[in-house]
Protein backbone atom coordinates (compact mmCIF):
# COMPACT_ATOMS: atom_id res chain seq x y z
CA UNK A 1 -14.22 -11.11 -14.90
CA UNK A 2 -15.68 -11.79 -11.44
CA UNK A 3 -15.42 -15.22 -9.79
CA UNK A 4 -17.92 -16.30 -7.14
CA UNK A 5 -17.33 -19.30 -4.88
CA UNK A 6 -20.37 -20.54 -2.98
CA UNK A 7 -20.13 -22.96 -0.05
CA UNK A 8 -17.30 -24.89 -1.64
CA UNK A 9 -15.93 -27.97 0.14
CA UNK A 10 -13.28 -30.47 -0.83
CA UNK A 11 -12.27 -33.56 1.17
CA UNK A 12 -9.36 -35.93 0.93
CA UNK A 13 -9.24 -39.38 2.47
CA UNK A 14 -6.08 -40.88 3.95
CA UNK A 15 -5.52 -43.81 6.32
CA UNK A 16 -9.22 -43.92 7.16
CA UNK A 17 -9.31 -40.24 8.01
CA UNK A 18 -11.26 -37.44 6.28
CA UNK A 19 -9.20 -34.27 5.67
CA UNK A 20 -11.05 -31.04 4.93
CA UNK A 21 -8.95 -29.27 2.32
CA UNK A 22 -11.71 -26.68 1.77
CA UNK A 23 -14.30 -26.08 4.48
CA UNK A 24 -17.55 -24.50 3.12
CA UNK A 25 -15.80 -21.54 1.49
CA UNK A 26 -17.81 -18.59 0.13
CA UNK A 27 -15.82 -15.92 -1.60
CA UNK A 28 -16.13 -13.25 -4.32
CA UNK A 29 -13.06 -12.42 -6.36
CA UNK A 30 -13.66 -9.04 -8.09
CA UNK A 31 -12.85 -8.56 -11.77
CA UNK A 32 -9.71 -6.81 -12.98
CA UNK A 33 -7.94 -7.05 -9.65
CA UNK A 34 -4.98 -9.00 -8.33
CA UNK A 35 -6.48 -11.32 -5.67
CA UNK A 36 -4.07 -13.32 -3.53
CA UNK A 37 -4.75 -16.50 -1.58
CA UNK A 38 -2.20 -16.39 1.22
CA UNK A 39 -1.50 -18.94 3.91
CA UNK A 40 0.83 -21.65 5.26
CA UNK A 41 1.45 -24.93 3.51
CA UNK A 42 -1.56 -27.22 3.65
CA UNK A 43 -4.08 -24.42 4.30
CA UNK A 44 -6.02 -25.21 1.09
CA UNK A 45 -5.05 -22.29 -1.13
CA UNK A 46 -3.66 -24.40 -4.04
CA UNK A 47 -6.66 -26.79 -3.82
CA UNK A 48 -9.01 -23.80 -4.13
CA UNK A 49 -7.05 -22.52 -7.15
CA UNK A 50 -7.15 -25.97 -8.82
CA UNK A 51 -10.90 -26.23 -8.20
CA UNK A 52 -11.42 -22.84 -9.94
CA UNK A 53 -9.36 -23.94 -12.94
CA UNK A 54 -10.93 -27.42 -13.06
CA UNK A 55 -7.94 -29.59 -12.10
CA UNK A 56 -9.66 -30.69 -8.88
CA UNK A 57 -13.29 -31.68 -8.40
CA UNK A 58 -14.99 -30.25 -5.32
CA UNK A 59 -17.32 -32.38 -3.16
CA UNK A 60 -20.00 -29.64 -2.84
CA UNK A 61 -20.72 -26.02 -3.60
CA UNK A 62 -20.67 -23.91 -6.74
CA UNK A 63 -18.13 -21.99 -8.85
CA UNK A 64 -19.26 -19.15 -11.10
CA UNK A 65 -16.92 -17.36 -13.53
CA UNK A 66 -18.50 -14.23 -14.94
CA UNK A 67 -22.15 -15.22 -15.60
CA UNK A 68 -21.38 -18.90 -16.17
CA UNK A 69 -21.66 -21.73 -13.61
CA UNK A 70 -18.56 -23.86 -14.31
CA UNK A 71 -19.07 -26.30 -11.44
CA UNK A 72 -22.13 -27.23 -9.36
CA UNK A 73 -22.56 -30.60 -7.71
CA UNK A 74 -26.31 -30.27 -7.20
CA UNK A 75 -26.93 -29.27 -10.87
CA UNK A 76 -24.44 -31.75 -12.26
CA UNK A 77 -22.46 -28.98 -14.02
CA UNK A 78 -18.72 -29.50 -14.64
CA UNK A 79 -17.33 -27.33 -17.45
CA UNK A 80 -14.01 -28.82 -18.68
CA UNK A 81 -10.83 -26.87 -17.86
CA UNK A 82 -10.14 -25.95 -21.47
CA UNK A 83 -13.61 -24.35 -21.84
CA UNK A 84 -13.42 -22.13 -18.72
CA UNK A 85 -11.51 -19.35 -20.43
CA UNK A 86 -8.69 -19.42 -17.91
CA UNK A 87 -4.89 -19.55 -18.08
CA UNK A 88 -2.51 -20.79 -15.39
CA UNK A 89 1.12 -20.28 -14.54
CA UNK A 90 2.56 -23.11 -12.44
CA UNK A 91 5.24 -23.13 -9.78
CA UNK A 92 7.59 -25.09 -12.11
CA UNK A 93 6.65 -22.90 -15.16
CA UNK A 94 6.00 -26.14 -17.16
CA UNK A 95 8.28 -24.91 -19.95
CA UNK A 96 8.72 -27.54 -22.72
CA UNK A 97 12.48 -28.15 -22.93
CA UNK A 98 12.43 -29.46 -26.49
CA UNK A 99 10.89 -26.22 -27.81
CA UNK A 100 12.34 -22.81 -28.29
CA UNK A 101 10.80 -19.69 -26.72
CA UNK A 102 8.67 -18.94 -29.80
CA UNK A 103 7.04 -22.38 -29.86
CA UNK A 104 6.49 -22.47 -26.12
CA UNK A 105 4.53 -19.21 -26.32
CA UNK A 106 2.78 -20.10 -29.61
CA UNK A 107 1.60 -23.57 -28.49
CA UNK A 108 -1.86 -22.55 -27.16
CA UNK A 109 -2.65 -20.96 -30.49
CA UNK A 110 -1.13 -23.80 -32.58
CA UNK A 111 -3.37 -26.45 -31.00
CA UNK A 112 -6.37 -24.25 -31.86
CA UNK A 113 -5.23 -24.10 -35.52
CA UNK A 114 -4.90 -20.37 -35.56
CA UNK A 115 -3.35 -19.19 -38.90
CA UNK A 116 0.48 -18.96 -38.77
CA UNK A 117 0.58 -15.24 -39.61
CA UNK A 118 -1.85 -14.46 -36.78
CA UNK A 119 0.26 -16.59 -34.39
CA UNK A 120 3.43 -14.73 -35.44
CA UNK A 121 1.88 -11.38 -34.79
CA UNK A 122 0.50 -12.35 -31.39
CA UNK A 123 3.70 -14.03 -30.28
CA UNK A 124 5.71 -11.00 -31.29
CA UNK A 125 3.31 -8.70 -29.45
CA UNK A 126 3.20 -10.88 -26.31
CA UNK A 127 7.03 -11.32 -26.12
CA UNK A 128 7.47 -7.58 -26.49
CA UNK A 129 5.04 -7.03 -23.60
CA UNK A 130 7.03 -9.33 -21.28
CA UNK A 131 10.30 -7.84 -22.54
CA UNK A 132 11.58 -10.96 -24.29
CA UNK A 133 11.67 -9.70 -27.89
CA UNK A 134 14.71 -11.18 -29.67
CA UNK A 135 14.51 -14.41 -27.60
CA UNK A 136 12.24 -16.27 -30.06
CA UNK A 137 14.87 -18.78 -31.25
CA UNK A 138 16.48 -19.39 -27.88
CA UNK A 139 16.07 -22.94 -26.42
CA UNK A 140 13.64 -22.52 -23.54
CA UNK A 141 16.07 -24.12 -21.05
CA UNK A 142 18.95 -21.86 -22.07
CA UNK A 143 17.53 -18.73 -20.45
CA UNK A 144 17.46 -17.61 -16.81
CA UNK A 145 14.83 -18.57 -14.23
CA UNK A 146 13.30 -15.14 -14.36
CA UNK A 147 13.12 -15.26 -18.18
CA UNK A 148 11.51 -18.71 -18.03
CA UNK A 149 8.93 -17.32 -15.68
CA UNK A 150 8.15 -14.59 -18.27
CA UNK A 151 7.89 -17.22 -21.03
CA UNK A 152 5.28 -19.01 -18.90
CA UNK A 153 3.46 -15.70 -18.40
CA UNK A 154 3.56 -14.97 -22.11
CA UNK A 155 2.20 -18.42 -22.93
CA UNK A 156 -0.65 -17.89 -20.44
CA UNK A 157 -1.47 -14.42 -21.86
CA UNK A 158 -1.33 -15.19 -25.61
CA UNK A 159 -4.78 -16.85 -25.64
CA UNK A 160 -6.29 -13.69 -24.10
CA UNK A 161 -7.88 -15.46 -21.10
CA UNK A 162 -10.63 -14.01 -18.93
CA UNK A 163 -8.69 -14.90 -15.79
CA UNK A 164 -5.08 -15.85 -15.11
CA UNK A 165 -4.16 -18.02 -12.17
CA UNK A 166 -0.69 -18.27 -10.51
CA UNK A 167 0.42 -21.12 -8.26
CA UNK A 168 3.51 -19.78 -6.40
CA UNK A 169 5.28 -18.90 -9.70
CA UNK A 170 8.27 -17.12 -8.03
CA UNK A 171 9.21 -19.65 -5.38
CA UNK A 172 12.01 -21.20 -7.47
CA UNK A 173 13.82 -17.89 -7.93
CA UNK A 174 16.57 -16.55 -5.69
CA UNK A 175 15.75 -13.67 -3.37
CA UNK A 176 17.02 -10.80 -5.54
CA UNK A 177 15.57 -12.12 -8.79
CA UNK A 178 12.27 -12.83 -7.02
CA UNK A 179 12.07 -9.20 -5.93
CA UNK A 180 12.80 -7.92 -9.44
CA UNK A 181 10.31 -10.32 -11.01
CA UNK A 182 7.68 -9.44 -8.49
CA UNK A 183 7.83 -5.78 -9.52
CA UNK A 184 7.67 -6.74 -13.25
CA UNK A 185 4.69 -9.02 -12.63
CA UNK A 186 2.82 -6.35 -10.72
CA UNK A 187 3.39 -3.88 -13.59
CA UNK A 188 2.35 -6.46 -16.22
CA UNK A 189 -0.90 -7.35 -14.45
CA UNK A 190 -1.84 -3.76 -13.63
CA UNK A 191 -1.33 -2.74 -17.26
CA UNK A 192 -3.39 -5.68 -18.51
CA UNK A 193 -6.38 -4.98 -16.25
CA UNK A 194 -7.02 -8.69 -16.03
CA UNK A 195 -8.45 -10.71 -13.14
CA UNK A 196 -5.49 -12.49 -11.49
CA UNK A 197 -5.74 -15.08 -8.74
CA UNK A 198 -2.40 -15.59 -7.09
CA UNK A 199 -1.40 -18.27 -4.58
CA UNK A 200 1.58 -17.80 -2.26
CA UNK A 201 2.80 -18.55 1.26
CA UNK A 202 5.23 -15.57 1.05
CA UNK A 203 3.86 -12.63 3.06
CA UNK A 204 6.10 -9.99 1.38
CA UNK A 205 5.06 -11.21 -2.09
CA UNK A 206 1.42 -10.98 -1.14
CA UNK A 207 1.78 -7.47 0.24
CA UNK A 208 3.75 -6.24 -2.73
CA UNK A 209 1.61 -7.76 -5.49
CA UNK A 210 -1.96 -7.75 -4.31
CA UNK A 211 -4.98 -5.46 -4.56
CA UNK A 212 -6.80 -7.80 -2.15
CA UNK A 213 -5.51 -10.59 0.10
CA UNK A 214 -7.51 -13.53 1.51
CA UNK A 215 -5.66 -15.20 4.36
CA UNK A 216 -6.40 -18.89 4.64
CA UNK A 217 -5.86 -21.46 7.38
CA UNK A 218 -7.04 -25.07 7.76
CA UNK A 219 -9.32 -24.94 4.72
CA UNK A 220 -11.24 -21.75 5.44
CA UNK A 221 -10.85 -17.98 4.86
CA UNK A 222 -9.75 -16.28 8.05
CA UNK A 223 -9.78 -12.66 6.80
CA UNK A 224 -9.99 -10.63 3.63
CA UNK A 225 -8.72 -7.08 3.04
CA UNK A 226 -6.30 -4.80 1.23
CA UNK A 227 -2.59 -5.29 2.03
CA UNK A 228 -2.63 -2.27 4.38
CA UNK A 229 -5.77 -3.47 6.14
CA UNK A 230 -4.34 -6.94 6.65
CA UNK A 231 -1.03 -5.61 7.93
CA UNK A 232 -2.15 -2.70 10.14
CA UNK A 233 -5.73 -3.64 11.10
CA UNK A 234 -5.95 -7.44 11.31
CA UNK A 235 -8.86 -8.77 13.36
CA UNK A 236 -7.58 -12.22 14.21
CA UNK A 237 -4.41 -13.29 16.02
CA UNK A 238 -3.51 -15.80 13.31
CA UNK A 239 -3.49 -13.07 10.67
CA UNK A 240 -1.52 -10.57 12.78
CA UNK A 241 1.06 -13.22 13.52
CA UNK A 242 1.31 -14.68 10.02
CA UNK A 243 1.70 -11.39 8.21
CA UNK A 244 5.16 -10.07 9.07
CA UNK A 245 6.54 -10.34 12.58
CA UNK A 246 4.58 -9.46 15.66
CA UNK A 247 4.89 -9.37 19.48
CA UNK A 248 1.73 -10.93 20.87
CA UNK A 249 0.91 -10.19 24.52
CA UNK A 250 -2.18 -11.33 26.47
CA UNK A 251 -4.28 -8.42 27.67
CA UNK A 252 -7.64 -7.55 29.16
CA UNK A 253 -9.80 -4.57 28.07
CA UNK A 254 -9.77 -2.07 30.95
CA UNK A 255 -11.85 0.74 29.50
CA UNK A 256 -13.10 2.37 26.33
CA UNK A 257 -12.39 6.00 25.41
CA UNK A 258 -13.67 8.05 22.51
CA UNK A 259 -10.66 7.32 20.28
CA UNK A 260 -8.75 4.62 22.13
CA UNK A 261 -9.09 1.30 23.94
CA UNK A 262 -7.21 0.90 27.22
CA UNK A 263 -5.90 -2.52 28.22
CA UNK A 264 -4.02 -4.11 31.11
CA UNK A 265 -1.22 -6.46 30.05
CA UNK A 266 2.03 -8.06 31.21
CA UNK A 267 3.71 -4.90 29.97
CA UNK A 268 1.42 -2.67 32.06
CA UNK A 269 -1.46 -0.47 30.99
CA UNK A 270 -1.47 0.34 27.27
CA UNK A 271 -3.33 2.90 25.17
CA UNK A 272 -4.34 1.18 21.90
CA UNK A 273 -6.10 2.00 18.65
CA UNK A 274 -9.89 1.89 19.08
CA UNK A 275 -11.47 -1.58 18.95
CA UNK A 276 -15.05 -2.21 20.12
CA UNK A 277 -14.38 -5.03 22.55
CA UNK A 278 -16.45 -5.10 25.80
CA UNK A 279 -14.65 -4.14 29.02
CA UNK A 280 -13.20 -7.27 30.62
CA UNK A 281 -12.67 -9.02 27.23
CA UNK A 282 -9.54 -11.17 26.89
CA UNK A 283 -7.62 -9.97 23.81
CA UNK A 284 -4.16 -10.09 22.28
CA UNK A 285 -2.01 -6.94 22.12
CA UNK A 286 -0.05 -6.96 18.86
CA UNK A 287 3.00 -4.74 18.53
CA UNK A 288 5.27 -5.02 15.48
CA UNK A 289 9.04 -4.72 16.11
CA UNK A 290 9.49 -1.84 13.64
CA UNK A 291 7.12 0.34 15.60
CA UNK A 292 9.02 0.18 18.91
CA UNK A 293 11.08 3.33 18.93
CA UNK A 294 13.77 4.55 21.31
CA UNK A 295 12.31 7.25 23.55
CA UNK A 296 13.18 10.81 22.64
CA UNK A 297 12.88 14.00 24.62
CA UNK A 298 9.14 14.37 24.04
CA UNK A 299 6.37 11.83 24.61
CA UNK A 300 2.80 12.52 23.64
CA UNK A 301 -0.27 11.43 25.60
CA UNK A 302 -0.93 8.75 22.96
CA UNK A 303 2.42 7.01 23.38
CA UNK A 304 3.15 4.06 25.69
CA UNK A 305 6.56 3.91 27.47
CA UNK A 306 8.40 0.64 27.81
CA UNK A 307 11.59 0.15 29.81
CA UNK A 308 13.53 -2.95 28.84
CA UNK A 309 16.90 -4.59 28.96
CA UNK A 310 18.63 -5.48 25.69
CA UNK A 311 18.95 -9.25 25.46
CA UNK A 312 20.55 -9.41 22.01
CA UNK A 313 21.12 -7.29 18.91
CA UNK A 314 22.00 -8.41 15.41
CA UNK A 315 23.24 -5.97 12.76
CA UNK A 316 21.41 -6.53 9.43
CA UNK A 317 22.68 -3.48 7.50
CA UNK A 318 19.79 -0.99 7.50
CA UNK A 319 18.90 -1.73 11.16
CA UNK A 320 19.57 -3.77 14.27
CA UNK A 321 17.16 -6.57 15.14
CA UNK A 322 17.02 -7.99 18.62
CA UNK A 323 15.02 -8.55 21.80
CA UNK A 324 14.36 -6.67 24.98
CA UNK A 325 13.08 -8.17 28.25
CA UNK A 326 10.36 -6.50 30.36
CA UNK A 327 9.71 -8.68 33.40
CA UNK A 328 8.71 -12.07 32.12
CA UNK A 329 8.02 -10.80 28.56
CA UNK A 330 10.43 -10.57 25.66
CA UNK A 331 9.75 -8.24 22.75
CA UNK A 332 11.34 -8.30 19.34
CA UNK A 333 12.63 -4.90 18.28
CA UNK A 334 14.06 -3.33 15.16
CA UNK A 335 16.05 -0.12 15.70
CA UNK A 336 18.12 2.19 13.55
CA UNK A 337 21.63 1.05 12.58
CA UNK A 338 23.27 4.17 14.09
CA UNK A 339 22.17 3.19 17.58
CA UNK A 340 24.90 2.78 20.19
CA UNK A 341 22.93 0.33 22.35
CA UNK A 342 24.50 -3.00 23.20
CA UNK A 343 23.61 -6.21 25.03
CA UNK A 344 22.53 -5.79 28.74
CA UNK A 345 21.89 -2.02 28.30
CA UNK A 346 18.62 -0.79 29.74
CA UNK A 347 16.68 1.73 27.63
CA UNK A 348 13.32 3.42 27.33
CA UNK A 349 11.15 2.81 24.28
CA UNK A 350 7.86 4.21 23.05
CA UNK A 351 5.01 2.72 21.11
CA UNK A 352 2.23 4.94 19.75
CA UNK A 353 -1.42 3.99 20.32
CA UNK A 354 -2.00 3.67 16.57
CA UNK A 355 0.62 0.89 16.42
CA UNK A 356 -0.89 -1.07 19.37
CA UNK A 357 -3.36 -3.38 17.70
CA UNK A 358 -5.87 -5.50 19.60
CA UNK A 359 -6.95 -8.76 18.02
CA UNK A 360 -9.16 -11.70 19.05
CA UNK A 361 -7.56 -14.21 21.38
């Protein structure tokens, strides 16, 4: 089920000031894909989600789900939340503590007066799908956080919605459980072939779960793409910096070659992946720490050599993380755990052109 957002705006008013929560957003969310709204706190992602589901009223624009306009200010259309064919999983799960697992999941069908035998079959099927068969009689608060999250998912799925929306549903889990649940959720949603709109501020979560990511900031969409596109080929500095960790160095385009763009920077002249910026343009050279390698015996023509002094190194198990200084610049690095380098050592590093990304200043 496709969702189309047309010129959607939402304002809040506080202390005499107007705050743009959504700034004239136009967006198409394709059907049967996992579409993630990613951005820092206050960027408008949850407001957009709540407008789609009908929990917030926009100030202007249009929302279309499938072939139906569910909200349009000009036409005076506002389809109630319960008639939009959507389901939502909240950050707090919204599990009813006085009910057992069965009744929590069955509730959307019970309020529609679905026959008891039909409810029993669908609850059984849905709990089996989310791997909670046998938990029917358990009090909902006497199961783990990950299991509660699956109860919330089961309750959202049982009504067979057109679209399911998630508002940071894993943020209350500890790191290990969050990783495990993330994998399960990705498998569940892929198997269902359902349109999912997912809100998070967690970059790793977005990269791991999504088919498509829309990065938001200050109420507007900065960039949209697949996880690989967003990570490796961002166009804007904000996106390159927000997704993962990045060294950002000011540079000026020196020349254009057939397959590469050459820039001058504080680190010297760098061969970068091709970007069609005019010669003389001010750009930002983005280099991720994990793509700065210790120099070996051979260096290709498409590699850039950096000589730097180790400022600090921290052992994190699978690698060392630290910084090197090159003149007035400091670069974050991530090198293999077997390295014998230590603080104050000077070493040569290489960065390939394909991992030197140029983005807009």
